[in-house]
Amino acid sequence: MAHRSTFVVVAAAALLAGCGTTDAPDPLLPGPAGRVRFVNLITDAARNPVNATLERMPFGVNLNYAGTTPSSLPAPANAIYRPILTGSRTLVLRRTADTAAVVATIPLSIAVSVDYTVYATGGVGASPIVPVITTDTNSTPAAGQVRVRVVHLAPTAGAVDLFVTAVGADLATATPTLAGVALGGTRYLSVPAATYQVRAVPAGTAPSARAANVTINLASVALPANGARTIIAADNSTGGAPLRFIPLVDR
């Protein structure tokens, strides 16, 4: 399926040059905007949960592992994405229990009419927090279809073959829906609306050995017509196994 996506890993967090958070215009005011969503995948209990602020504006509160904002905010502020004025922005994460403790500072560059998901990853064993930023395709899917994006952010899994099948389908006779997805990989696919099972096995696993080597399993997920979903492959909340899929609603 034709789509536009860019995958950017920001290896180091730094304060933005030029216009700082104090002097920046309110990023939530009307004007040319993109849209932003944040997902907490920090695998360090000592730094969770976190509060998120964007240019000093509250963006999310008390976000535990797998928490996402703005969808977790109280209504009516709980949209999937929040419009943010274009330009250079800074997303700051602080510990909810001690808001003086900065967990990560993530620079963003927002373009007009572009949707972004910001993932905060890592942290296990007091390791650095590594931001991962994707640009997201959220146009209307083809009639009766569902757009699915897979984002592989499970370091423990290594490269995987991914199967999106009918619930309980025999993996020995299935063809990988996505083969050889490496850590950090992100891919889109389109499937008819239905209820599916999503499974991952180590890349290249022999067909007869797949059922015994499922490393991540989403037993059942309903994918609605004309909808869009992101499915994140992730470690558990403190790193390592058991691994998990985290489904997100995109539209």
Protein backbone atom coordinates (compact mmCIF):
# COMPACT_ATOMS: atom_id res chain seq x y z
CA MET A 1 0.00 0.00 0.00
CA ALA A 2 1.36 3.37 -0.90
CA HIS A 3 2.12 5.43 2.15
CA ARG A 4 4.46 8.08 3.48
CA SER A 5 6.33 7.38 6.64
CA THR A 6 9.54 8.53 8.22
CA PHE A 7 11.22 6.80 11.13
CA VAL A 8 13.56 8.92 13.23
CA VAL A 9 15.49 7.79 16.29
CA VAL A 10 16.69 10.70 18.40
CA ALA A 11 19.75 9.35 20.12
CA ALA A 12 20.35 12.19 22.55
CA ALA A 13 17.96 14.58 24.21
CA ALA A 14 19.00 18.23 24.15
CA LEU A 15 17.40 21.58 24.67
CA LEU A 16 16.40 23.25 21.45
CA ALA A 17 18.56 26.07 20.18
CA GLY A 18 17.00 29.45 19.49
CA CYS A 19 13.52 29.88 20.91
CA GLY A 20 13.42 28.22 24.33
CA THR A 21 10.45 26.91 26.24
CA THR A 22 10.05 30.19 28.14
CA ASP A 23 9.75 32.37 25.05
CA ALA A 24 8.02 29.96 22.67
CA PRO A 25 4.43 30.78 21.67
CA ASP A 26 1.76 28.62 23.23
CA PRO A 27 1.96 25.41 21.14
CA LEU A 28 -1.73 24.68 21.66
CA LEU A 29 -3.09 27.95 20.27
CA PRO A 30 -4.81 27.96 16.85
CA GLY A 31 -2.50 28.24 13.85
CA PRO A 32 -0.57 26.04 11.36
CA ALA A 33 -0.19 22.76 13.18
CA GLY A 34 0.79 19.14 13.15
CA ARG A 35 -0.50 16.61 15.66
CA VAL A 36 1.38 14.76 18.41
CA ARG A 37 0.80 11.62 20.48
CA PHE A 38 3.12 10.34 23.22
CA VAL A 39 3.61 6.72 24.39
CA ASN A 40 5.56 5.80 27.54
CA LEU A 41 7.72 2.69 27.02
CA ILE A 42 10.23 3.48 29.78
CA THR A 43 11.39 0.21 31.36
CA ASP A 44 12.57 1.65 34.68
CA ALA A 45 10.16 1.53 37.60
CA ALA A 46 12.22 4.17 39.42
CA ARG A 47 11.39 6.73 36.71
CA ASN A 48 7.74 5.75 36.21
CA PRO A 49 5.10 7.07 36.12
CA VAL A 50 5.82 10.32 34.28
CA ASN A 51 4.14 13.64 33.56
CA ALA A 52 4.59 15.10 30.08
CA THR A 53 4.76 18.81 29.25
CA LEU A 54 5.15 20.48 25.87
CA GLU A 55 6.62 23.98 25.89
CA ARG A 56 5.55 24.22 29.56
CA MET A 57 1.98 23.24 28.68
CA PRO A 58 0.57 20.11 30.41
CA PHE A 59 0.34 17.23 27.94
CA GLY A 60 -0.10 14.10 30.07
CA VAL A 61 -0.22 13.12 33.75
CA ASN A 62 0.68 9.97 35.68
CA LEU A 63 1.63 7.93 32.61
CA ASN A 64 2.75 4.44 33.53
CA TYR A 65 4.35 1.97 31.15
CA ALA A 66 2.26 1.72 27.94
CA GLY A 67 0.40 4.89 28.90
CA THR A 68 -0.41 7.25 26.05
CA THR A 69 -1.48 10.87 25.85
CA PRO A 70 -3.62 12.81 25.04
CA SER A 71 -6.05 9.84 24.88
CA SER A 72 -5.62 9.21 28.63
CA LEU A 73 -6.66 12.74 29.59
CA PRO A 74 -10.16 13.50 30.90
CA ALA A 75 -12.86 14.28 28.35
CA PRO A 76 -13.17 16.38 26.27
CA ALA A 77 -9.36 16.69 25.97
CA ASN A 78 -8.85 12.98 25.26
CA ALA A 79 -8.33 12.99 21.50
CA ILE A 80 -5.94 10.48 19.93
CA TYR A 81 -3.55 13.27 18.88
CA ARG A 82 -3.25 16.89 19.98
CA PRO A 83 -2.72 19.73 17.49
CA ILE A 84 0.63 21.46 18.08
CA LEU A 85 1.84 24.60 16.34
CA THR A 86 4.53 24.01 13.71
CA GLY A 87 8.19 24.65 14.45
CA SER A 88 10.77 23.50 16.97
CA ARG A 89 9.22 22.15 20.15
CA THR A 90 10.38 20.38 23.29
CA LEU A 91 8.59 17.55 25.10
CA VAL A 92 9.75 17.17 28.71
CA LEU A 93 9.09 14.11 30.89
CA ARG A 94 9.22 14.39 34.67
CA ARG A 95 8.58 11.87 37.42
CA THR A 96 5.02 12.16 38.66
CA ALA A 97 6.20 11.58 42.23
CA ASP A 98 8.88 14.29 41.98
CA THR A 99 8.25 16.78 39.21
CA ALA A 100 11.67 18.38 39.81
CA ALA A 101 13.23 15.18 38.44
CA VAL A 102 13.51 15.40 34.64
CA VAL A 103 13.42 11.94 33.07
CA ALA A 104 13.94 13.00 29.44
CA THR A 105 13.92 16.08 27.22
CA ILE A 106 12.84 15.33 23.66
CA PRO A 107 13.23 17.87 20.83
CA LEU A 108 10.59 17.82 18.10
CA SER A 109 10.27 19.51 14.73
CA ILE A 110 6.58 19.86 13.85
CA ALA A 111 5.49 20.27 10.21
CA VAL A 112 2.05 21.39 9.10
CA SER A 113 -0.61 18.66 8.77
CA VAL A 114 1.77 15.87 9.84
CA ASP A 115 0.93 13.40 12.63
CA TYR A 116 3.68 12.21 14.98
CA THR A 117 3.96 9.55 17.65
CA VAL A 118 6.73 10.03 20.20
CA TYR A 119 7.87 6.90 22.05
CA ALA A 120 10.12 7.11 25.12
CA THR A 121 12.00 3.79 25.21
CA GLY A 122 14.70 2.16 27.30
CA GLY A 123 15.65 2.88 30.88
CA VAL A 124 16.13 -0.65 32.17
CA GLY A 125 19.05 -0.85 34.59
CA ALA A 126 19.23 2.97 34.74
CA SER A 127 20.15 3.09 31.04
CA PRO A 128 19.37 6.25 29.02
CA ILE A 129 15.88 7.01 27.75
CA VAL A 130 15.92 6.86 23.94
CA PRO A 131 13.17 8.73 22.07
CA VAL A 132 11.77 7.22 18.90
CA ILE A 133 9.60 9.43 16.68
CA THR A 134 7.42 8.21 13.83
CA THR A 135 5.39 10.16 11.32
CA ASP A 136 2.00 8.54 10.93
CA THR A 137 -0.32 8.00 7.95
CA ASN A 138 -3.90 8.63 9.04
CA SER A 139 -5.79 9.15 5.79
CA THR A 140 -8.99 7.13 5.28
CA PRO A 141 -8.24 3.48 4.36
CA ALA A 142 -9.82 1.79 1.38
CA ALA A 143 -13.45 0.76 1.87
CA GLY A 144 -13.75 -2.24 4.19
CA GLN A 145 -10.02 -2.23 4.96
CA VAL A 146 -8.02 -1.49 8.10
CA ARG A 147 -4.62 0.17 8.04
CA VAL A 148 -2.27 -1.51 10.52
CA ARG A 149 1.14 -0.23 11.47
CA VAL A 150 3.62 -2.46 13.29
CA VAL A 151 6.37 -0.76 15.30
CA HIS A 152 9.04 -3.11 16.66
CA LEU A 153 10.39 -1.72 19.96
CA ALA A 154 11.10 -4.96 21.84
CA PRO A 155 14.90 -5.26 22.22
CA THR A 156 14.63 -8.74 23.75
CA ALA A 157 12.85 -10.15 20.70
CA GLY A 158 15.48 -9.51 18.03
CA ALA A 159 14.31 -9.66 14.41
CA VAL A 160 10.90 -11.31 14.03
CA ASP A 161 8.53 -12.77 11.49
CA LEU A 162 5.04 -11.43 12.14
CA PHE A 163 1.77 -13.26 11.46
CA VAL A 164 -1.61 -11.52 11.34
CA THR A 165 -4.05 -14.42 11.00
CA ALA A 166 -7.49 -15.67 11.88
CA VAL A 167 -7.66 -16.54 15.58
CA GLY A 168 -6.11 -19.96 16.13
CA ALA A 169 -4.76 -20.34 12.58
CA ASP A 170 -1.99 -22.92 12.14
CA LEU A 171 1.33 -21.10 11.87
CA ALA A 172 2.94 -24.10 10.17
CA THR A 173 0.92 -23.43 7.03
CA ALA A 174 0.82 -19.63 7.27
CA THR A 175 2.89 -17.16 5.29
CA PRO A 176 4.51 -14.40 7.35
CA THR A 177 2.52 -11.20 7.01
CA LEU A 178 5.75 -9.28 7.61
CA ALA A 179 9.07 -11.12 7.47
CA GLY A 180 12.36 -10.15 9.08
CA VAL A 181 11.18 -7.09 11.00
CA ALA A 182 14.24 -5.74 12.82
CA LEU A 183 14.33 -3.81 16.08
CA GLY A 184 13.28 -0.25 15.30
CA GLY A 185 11.47 -1.35 12.15
CA THR A 186 8.07 0.07 11.30
CA ARG A 187 5.81 -1.17 8.52
CA TYR A 188 2.27 -0.60 7.31
CA LEU A 189 -0.13 -3.19 5.96
CA SER A 190 -3.79 -3.25 4.96
CA VAL A 191 -6.20 -6.06 5.93
CA PRO A 192 -9.96 -6.60 5.63
CA ALA A 193 -11.96 -5.68 8.72
CA ALA A 194 -12.17 -8.72 11.03
CA THR A 195 -10.91 -10.13 14.33
CA TYR A 196 -7.31 -11.30 14.15
CA GLN A 197 -4.59 -12.97 16.15
CA VAL A 198 -1.12 -11.38 15.95
CA ARG A 199 1.96 -13.47 16.68
CA ALA A 200 5.71 -13.01 16.35
CA VAL A 201 8.39 -15.69 16.09
CA PRO A 202 12.15 -15.29 15.68
CA ALA A 203 12.91 -14.39 12.08
CA GLY A 204 13.51 -17.44 9.92
CA THR A 205 11.92 -19.97 12.29
CA ALA A 206 11.04 -23.15 10.41
CA PRO A 207 7.28 -23.55 9.77
CA SER A 208 7.03 -26.70 11.90
CA ALA A 209 8.69 -24.93 14.85
CA ARG A 210 6.71 -21.68 14.81
CA ALA A 211 3.93 -22.69 17.22
CA ALA A 212 6.48 -23.65 19.86
CA ASN A 213 8.49 -20.46 19.41
CA VAL A 214 5.90 -17.68 19.58
CA THR A 215 7.65 -14.87 21.44
CA ILE A 216 4.81 -12.32 21.37
CA ASN A 217 1.10 -13.09 21.13
CA LEU A 218 -1.96 -10.87 20.86
CA ALA A 219 -4.67 -13.51 21.15
CA SER A 220 -7.49 -11.46 19.67
CA VAL A 221 -7.86 -7.94 18.31
CA ALA A 222 -10.86 -6.54 16.46
CA LEU A 223 -9.87 -4.37 13.51
CA PRO A 224 -12.83 -2.25 12.30
CA ALA A 225 -13.56 -1.24 8.73
CA ASN A 226 -12.05 2.09 7.70
CA GLY A 227 -10.06 2.21 10.93
CA ALA A 228 -6.36 2.44 11.61
CA ARG A 229 -4.33 0.80 14.35
CA THR A 230 -0.73 0.74 15.54
CA ILE A 231 0.54 -2.48 17.12
CA ILE A 232 3.72 -2.03 19.15
CA ALA A 233 6.01 -4.97 19.89
CA ALA A 234 7.48 -4.23 23.32
CA ASP A 235 9.33 -5.71 26.27
CA ASN A 236 7.53 -5.88 29.60
CA SER A 237 7.41 -2.91 31.96
CA THR A 238 10.86 -3.60 33.46
CA GLY A 239 12.54 -4.92 30.32
CA GLY A 240 12.84 -8.47 29.01
CA ALA A 241 10.19 -11.17 28.87
CA PRO A 242 7.28 -11.71 28.84
CA LEU A 243 7.07 -9.64 25.69
CA ARG A 244 3.83 -8.00 24.61
CA PHE A 245 1.94 -6.32 21.81
CA ILE A 246 0.39 -2.95 22.64
CA PRO A 247 -2.44 -1.93 20.28
CA LEU A 248 -3.21 1.76 19.75
CA VAL A 249 -6.14 3.39 17.99
CA ASP A 250 -4.91 5.77 15.26
CA ARG A 251 -8.24 6.98 13.86
